[in-house]
Amino acid sequence: MKMEKGSTRGEVPSRLFAGGKGEEPSVDMGQVVGSRDILFICLDTLRYDAAVWEEREKTTPVLNRYGSWEKRQAPGNFTYPSHHAMFAGFLPCRFDAKSLADREMLFFPRQIGMGNQAPKGAFGFSGSTIMEGLEREGYDTWCVGGVSFFDRRSDLGKVFPGYFQKSYWNPSFACPVKESTTNQVDFILKKLSGADADRKIFLYLNVDAIHYPNYFYLDGARYDSLDSHRAALRYVDGELGRLFDKWKELRGGGFVICCSDHGTCYGEDDCQFHGINHPVVNTVPYKHFYL
């Protein structure tokens, strides 16, 4: 294989990330980091088609307020691999990407053998995760978990929370609890009221209401379906409205990254749920915006 001049085997030239199709970045993270709180909201398991359906029906007014969903590729086909990628800066990439150059990087890990120059618009961080990089910039990093990968009662459930300065999970946040998002938002707002006003916050919120089981969000349903999946999103939308409104009141706004980590199947091609490579699993909604 012909090597690019100046590159070494095992390295990817940093320019592959830096130009893409010549498009300007949608946000300058160098201006965001240090000046604003950052909220990373993961709507765990949300399908792209479900998100777009509710957007078009105008049944998710809070999320609609902040722009349309983008169609993107999931970084993994279930929570664990997807989050390792996202926490390292590799958020869902544009669906039509043909190379590394076609992905917009908000956060760029400097120490991975791709050169030390961050792409235009990206914040180049040092450390093993976004959170570690932001801590070095003075951020207080919070994790409010949902799915069992954030349940610290198991060894595996301690991995992701261990990346944060402060991590929180309790059984009322778990998937089988119908009011899980309500409980998470109530908890965050309580913590927020006592937060240091002079220190920026990076909040990661894992919303698990859309994950299975979700049948109880649809009146009369006895099993999960795409309809109950969408009903769960409608419930979550209202709770995010409470979170965003109070965050603006208490903190003056912030920058939000909102996306799914993977989709899930409800019988398509005889496939069920996720952890498999199916187009429905590998396609996710994404948006970022200012509060």
Protein backbone atom coordinates (compact mmCIF):
# COMPACT_ATOMS: atom_id res chain seq x y z
CA MET A 1 0.00 0.00 0.00
CA LYS A 2 1.36 3.41 -0.90
CA MET A 3 1.96 5.50 2.18
CA GLU A 4 1.21 9.23 2.22
CA LYS A 5 4.35 11.31 2.45
CA GLY A 6 5.08 12.19 6.05
CA SER A 7 2.82 9.52 7.50
CA THR A 8 3.88 6.38 9.32
CA ARG A 9 2.32 2.96 9.33
CA GLY A 10 -0.53 2.73 11.81
CA GLU A 11 -1.28 6.47 11.72
CA VAL A 12 -4.09 8.31 9.98
CA PRO A 13 -3.10 11.79 8.72
CA SER A 14 -4.86 14.45 10.77
CA ARG A 15 -5.90 16.28 7.60
CA LEU A 16 -8.46 13.51 6.99
CA PHE A 17 -10.51 15.07 9.76
CA ALA A 18 -9.77 18.67 8.98
CA GLY A 19 -11.41 19.55 5.70
CA GLY A 20 -14.03 17.11 4.57
CA LYS A 21 -16.03 18.53 1.69
CA GLY A 22 -14.97 22.05 2.52
CA GLU A 23 -18.03 22.70 4.66
CA GLU A 24 -17.77 25.12 7.53
CA PRO A 25 -18.34 23.56 10.96
CA SER A 26 -21.79 24.16 12.40
CA VAL A 27 -20.34 25.26 15.74
CA ASP A 28 -16.99 26.39 17.08
CA MET A 29 -16.44 24.27 20.16
CA GLY A 30 -13.42 26.33 21.04
CA GLN A 31 -15.86 29.14 21.80
CA VAL A 32 -18.27 26.85 23.67
CA VAL A 33 -15.80 25.14 25.99
CA GLY A 34 -15.04 27.33 28.96
CA SER A 35 -17.87 29.77 28.31
CA ARG A 36 -20.97 27.57 28.57
CA ASP A 37 -22.37 24.57 30.36
CA ILE A 38 -22.57 21.50 28.10
CA LEU A 39 -25.46 19.04 28.30
CA PHE A 40 -25.06 15.69 26.56
CA ILE A 41 -28.52 14.09 26.41
CA CYS A 42 -28.53 10.50 25.17
CA LEU A 43 -32.03 9.28 24.28
CA ASP A 44 -31.00 5.68 24.67
CA THR A 45 -32.28 3.35 21.90
CA LEU A 46 -34.27 6.03 20.02
CA ARG A 47 -34.85 5.12 16.37
CA TYR A 48 -34.35 7.76 13.69
CA ASP A 49 -37.65 7.01 11.97
CA ALA A 50 -39.56 7.32 15.25
CA ALA A 51 -37.92 10.65 16.07
CA VAL A 52 -38.68 12.07 12.62
CA TRP A 53 -42.27 10.80 12.72
CA GLU A 54 -42.96 12.63 15.98
CA GLU A 55 -41.17 15.72 14.69
CA ARG A 56 -43.39 15.83 11.62
CA GLU A 57 -46.52 15.24 13.70
CA LYS A 58 -45.40 18.10 15.98
CA THR A 59 -45.89 15.89 19.02
CA THR A 60 -42.42 16.64 20.42
CA PRO A 61 -42.65 20.44 20.69
CA VAL A 62 -39.67 20.86 23.00
CA LEU A 63 -37.20 19.05 20.77
CA ASN A 64 -38.78 20.55 17.65
CA ARG A 65 -38.05 23.99 19.05
CA TYR A 66 -34.34 23.35 18.63
CA GLY A 67 -34.21 22.27 15.00
CA SER A 68 -34.75 19.18 12.90
CA TRP A 69 -33.23 15.79 13.54
CA GLU A 70 -30.20 14.86 11.47
CA LYS A 71 -29.87 11.32 10.14
CA ARG A 72 -26.62 9.83 11.39
CA GLN A 73 -24.72 6.57 11.75
CA ALA A 74 -24.63 5.05 15.21
CA PRO A 75 -21.14 4.52 16.65
CA GLY A 76 -22.18 1.08 17.98
CA ASN A 77 -25.08 -1.33 17.90
CA PHE A 78 -25.77 -1.31 21.64
CA THR A 79 -25.08 0.91 24.62
CA TYR A 80 -21.66 -0.32 25.70
CA PRO A 81 -19.62 0.07 22.49
CA SER A 82 -21.54 3.16 21.42
CA HIS A 83 -20.77 5.02 24.64
CA HIS A 84 -17.10 4.13 24.62
CA ALA A 85 -16.90 5.75 21.18
CA MET A 86 -18.97 8.81 22.11
CA PHE A 87 -17.12 9.43 25.35
CA ALA A 88 -13.88 9.41 23.33
CA GLY A 89 -15.27 12.12 21.04
CA PHE A 90 -16.67 9.97 18.23
CA LEU A 91 -20.30 11.05 18.21
CA PRO A 92 -22.74 9.69 15.59
CA CYS A 93 -21.43 10.75 12.18
CA ARG A 94 -23.33 12.03 9.18
CA PHE A 95 -25.27 9.29 7.45
CA ASP A 96 -23.83 9.95 4.01
CA ALA A 97 -20.21 10.01 5.18
CA LYS A 98 -17.84 8.28 2.78
CA SER A 99 -14.63 8.88 4.74
CA LEU A 100 -13.33 10.28 7.99
CA ALA A 101 -13.24 13.67 6.28
CA ASP A 102 -17.03 13.74 6.13
CA ARG A 103 -17.62 13.66 9.86
CA GLU A 104 -17.89 16.80 11.94
CA MET A 105 -15.89 16.45 15.13
CA LEU A 106 -17.06 18.49 18.12
CA PHE A 107 -14.39 16.99 20.34
CA PHE A 108 -11.07 15.70 19.03
CA PRO A 109 -8.86 13.35 21.07
CA ARG A 110 -5.36 14.65 20.48
CA GLN A 111 -3.47 11.59 21.68
CA ILE A 112 -4.59 8.86 19.30
CA GLY A 113 -1.86 8.93 16.68
CA MET A 114 -3.67 11.25 14.26
CA GLY A 115 -1.61 14.35 14.87
CA ASN A 116 -2.15 17.03 17.46
CA GLN A 117 -4.03 19.57 15.32
CA ALA A 118 -7.77 19.47 15.95
CA PRO A 119 -10.11 19.88 12.98
CA LYS A 120 -11.64 23.28 12.44
CA GLY A 121 -14.45 23.87 14.91
CA ALA A 122 -13.50 20.96 17.18
CA PHE A 123 -12.21 21.21 20.72
CA GLY A 124 -8.99 19.25 21.00
CA PHE A 125 -8.89 17.53 24.37
CA SER A 126 -6.23 15.67 26.29
CA GLY A 127 -7.02 12.56 28.27
CA SER A 128 -8.91 9.36 27.61
CA THR A 129 -12.42 10.85 27.49
CA ILE A 130 -14.27 14.07 26.76
CA MET A 131 -14.98 14.33 30.46
CA GLU A 132 -11.34 14.09 31.44
CA GLY A 133 -10.49 16.78 28.91
CA LEU A 134 -13.23 19.07 30.16
CA GLU A 135 -12.22 18.52 33.79
CA ARG A 136 -8.81 19.91 32.84
CA GLU A 137 -10.64 22.99 31.58
CA GLY A 138 -12.32 23.44 34.96
CA TYR A 139 -15.63 21.70 34.31
CA ASP A 140 -17.57 19.80 36.95
CA THR A 141 -18.60 16.56 35.20
CA TRP A 142 -21.90 14.93 36.13
CA CYS A 143 -23.43 11.63 35.05
CA VAL A 144 -27.08 10.78 35.68
CA GLY A 145 -27.48 7.20 34.54
CA GLY A 146 -30.41 5.22 33.29
CA VAL A 147 -29.81 1.81 31.69
CA SER A 148 -28.05 -0.95 33.62
CA PHE A 149 -24.62 -0.03 32.24
CA PHE A 150 -24.78 2.91 34.67
CA ASP A 151 -25.96 0.86 37.66
CA ARG A 152 -22.98 0.86 40.00
CA ARG A 153 -24.23 -2.19 41.87
CA SER A 154 -22.43 -4.32 39.27
CA ASP A 155 -18.77 -4.23 38.28
CA LEU A 156 -19.65 -3.53 34.65
CA GLY A 157 -22.01 -0.79 35.77
CA LYS A 158 -19.14 1.04 37.47
CA VAL A 159 -17.17 1.59 34.25
CA PHE A 160 -19.02 4.55 32.70
CA PRO A 161 -19.83 6.32 35.98
CA GLY A 162 -16.13 6.11 36.83
CA TYR A 163 -15.37 8.54 33.99
CA PHE A 164 -17.14 11.38 35.82
CA GLN A 165 -16.35 13.43 38.89
CA LYS A 166 -19.92 12.95 40.10
CA SER A 167 -22.18 10.08 39.06
CA TYR A 168 -25.70 9.24 40.15
CA TRP A 169 -28.02 6.29 39.67
CA ASN A 170 -30.81 4.79 41.70
CA PRO A 171 -33.53 2.22 40.95
CA SER A 172 -36.11 4.93 40.25
CA PHE A 173 -34.05 5.88 37.16
CA ALA A 174 -34.16 2.36 35.72
CA CYS A 175 -35.81 1.14 32.51
CA PRO A 176 -38.79 -0.65 34.10
CA VAL A 177 -39.91 2.51 35.92
CA LYS A 178 -42.55 4.41 33.97
CA GLU A 179 -41.62 7.73 35.62
CA SER A 180 -37.85 7.23 35.13
CA THR A 181 -37.24 10.47 33.19
CA THR A 182 -39.38 12.47 35.61
CA ASN A 183 -37.29 11.11 38.46
CA GLN A 184 -34.03 11.87 36.69
CA VAL A 185 -35.04 15.45 35.89
CA ASP A 186 -36.31 16.05 39.43
CA PHE A 187 -32.96 14.82 40.76
CA ILE A 188 -30.93 17.00 38.38
CA LEU A 189 -32.92 20.12 39.20
CA LYS A 190 -32.42 19.54 42.91
CA LYS A 191 -28.67 19.20 42.40
CA LEU A 192 -28.61 22.18 40.06
CA SER A 193 -30.13 24.50 42.64
CA GLY A 194 -27.07 23.96 44.86
CA ALA A 195 -24.42 23.98 42.12
CA ASP A 196 -21.51 26.41 42.10
CA ALA A 197 -22.59 29.26 39.82
CA ASP A 198 -18.98 30.07 38.95
CA ARG A 199 -18.07 26.60 37.71
CA LYS A 200 -19.19 25.25 34.35
CA ILE A 201 -21.00 21.91 34.27
CA PHE A 202 -20.80 19.05 31.79
CA LEU A 203 -23.93 16.96 32.31
CA TYR A 204 -24.38 13.55 30.74
CA LEU A 205 -27.96 12.27 31.02
CA ASN A 206 -28.84 8.75 29.91
CA VAL A 207 -32.59 8.76 29.23
CA ASP A 208 -33.75 5.15 29.27
CA ALA A 209 -37.54 5.54 28.98
CA ILE A 210 -37.45 4.75 25.24
CA HIS A 211 -35.46 1.56 25.87
CA TYR A 212 -37.43 -1.59 26.52
CA PRO A 213 -39.79 -2.01 28.32
CA ASN A 214 -41.81 0.89 26.95
CA TYR A 215 -45.26 -0.66 26.42
CA PHE A 216 -46.67 1.17 29.45
CA TYR A 217 -46.46 4.53 27.67
CA LEU A 218 -49.22 3.41 25.31
CA ASP A 219 -52.66 2.94 26.84
CA GLY A 220 -53.81 -0.66 26.67
CA ALA A 221 -50.53 -2.06 25.29
CA ARG A 222 -49.17 -5.30 26.70
CA TYR A 223 -45.92 -5.51 24.78
CA ASP A 224 -43.35 -3.16 23.26
CA SER A 225 -43.84 -1.89 19.73
CA LEU A 226 -42.80 0.98 17.50
CA ASP A 227 -45.98 2.78 18.62
CA SER A 228 -45.07 2.51 22.31
CA HIS A 229 -41.49 3.48 21.47
CA ARG A 230 -42.82 6.70 19.94
CA ALA A 231 -45.16 7.26 22.90
CA ALA A 232 -42.14 7.04 25.20
CA LEU A 233 -40.42 9.77 23.19
CA ARG A 234 -43.46 12.02 23.61
CA TYR A 235 -43.26 11.51 27.37
CA VAL A 236 -39.52 12.27 27.41
CA ASP A 237 -40.03 15.45 25.39
CA GLY A 238 -42.15 17.01 28.11
CA GLU A 239 -39.61 16.17 30.80
CA LEU A 240 -36.77 17.66 28.76
CA GLY A 241 -38.82 20.83 28.56
CA ARG A 242 -38.73 21.10 32.36
CA LEU A 243 -34.99 20.47 32.38
CA PHE A 244 -34.18 23.01 29.68
CA ASP A 245 -36.42 25.73 31.10
CA LYS A 246 -34.96 25.45 34.59
CA TRP A 247 -31.40 25.22 33.28
CA LYS A 248 -31.91 28.49 31.42
CA GLU A 249 -33.41 30.10 34.51
CA LEU A 250 -30.69 28.99 36.91
CA ARG A 251 -27.64 28.83 34.62
CA GLY A 252 -28.41 31.22 31.78
CA GLY A 253 -28.41 28.57 29.06
CA GLY A 254 -25.89 26.12 27.68
CA PHE A 255 -24.92 24.01 24.70
CA VAL A 256 -26.80 20.74 24.15
CA ILE A 257 -25.80 17.59 22.29
CA CYS A 258 -28.86 15.37 21.90
CA CYS A 259 -28.78 12.03 20.14
CA SER A 260 -29.44 8.33 20.33
CA ASP A 261 -26.70 5.76 20.81
CA HIS A 262 -28.39 3.13 18.61
CA GLY A 263 -31.81 2.13 17.36
CA THR A 264 -33.80 -1.05 17.93
CA CYS A 265 -35.86 -3.51 15.90
CA TYR A 266 -39.51 -4.45 16.35
CA GLY A 267 -39.70 -7.38 13.94
CA GLU A 268 -38.08 -5.85 10.87
CA ASP A 269 -36.59 -8.76 8.85
CA ASP A 270 -37.54 -10.94 11.85
CA CYS A 271 -35.05 -9.01 13.99
CA GLN A 272 -35.75 -8.04 17.59
CA PHE A 273 -34.22 -5.23 19.63
CA HIS A 274 -30.53 -4.33 19.23
CA GLY A 275 -26.97 -5.60 19.65
CA ILE A 276 -27.14 -6.60 15.98
CA ASN A 277 -26.21 -4.77 12.79
CA HIS A 278 -29.47 -3.86 11.11
CA PRO A 279 -30.19 -0.55 9.33
CA VAL A 280 -32.79 0.35 11.97
CA VAL A 281 -30.23 -0.23 14.73
CA ASN A 282 -27.40 1.54 12.93
CA THR A 283 -29.35 4.72 12.08
CA VAL A 284 -29.88 7.34 14.78
CA PRO A 285 -31.22 10.90 15.22
CA TYR A 286 -28.85 13.67 16.23
CA LYS A 287 -28.92 17.41 16.86
CA HIS A 288 -26.92 20.00 18.77
CA PHE A 289 -28.10 23.44 19.74
CA TYR A 290 -27.83 26.34 22.16
CA LEU A 291 -30.31 26.80 24.99
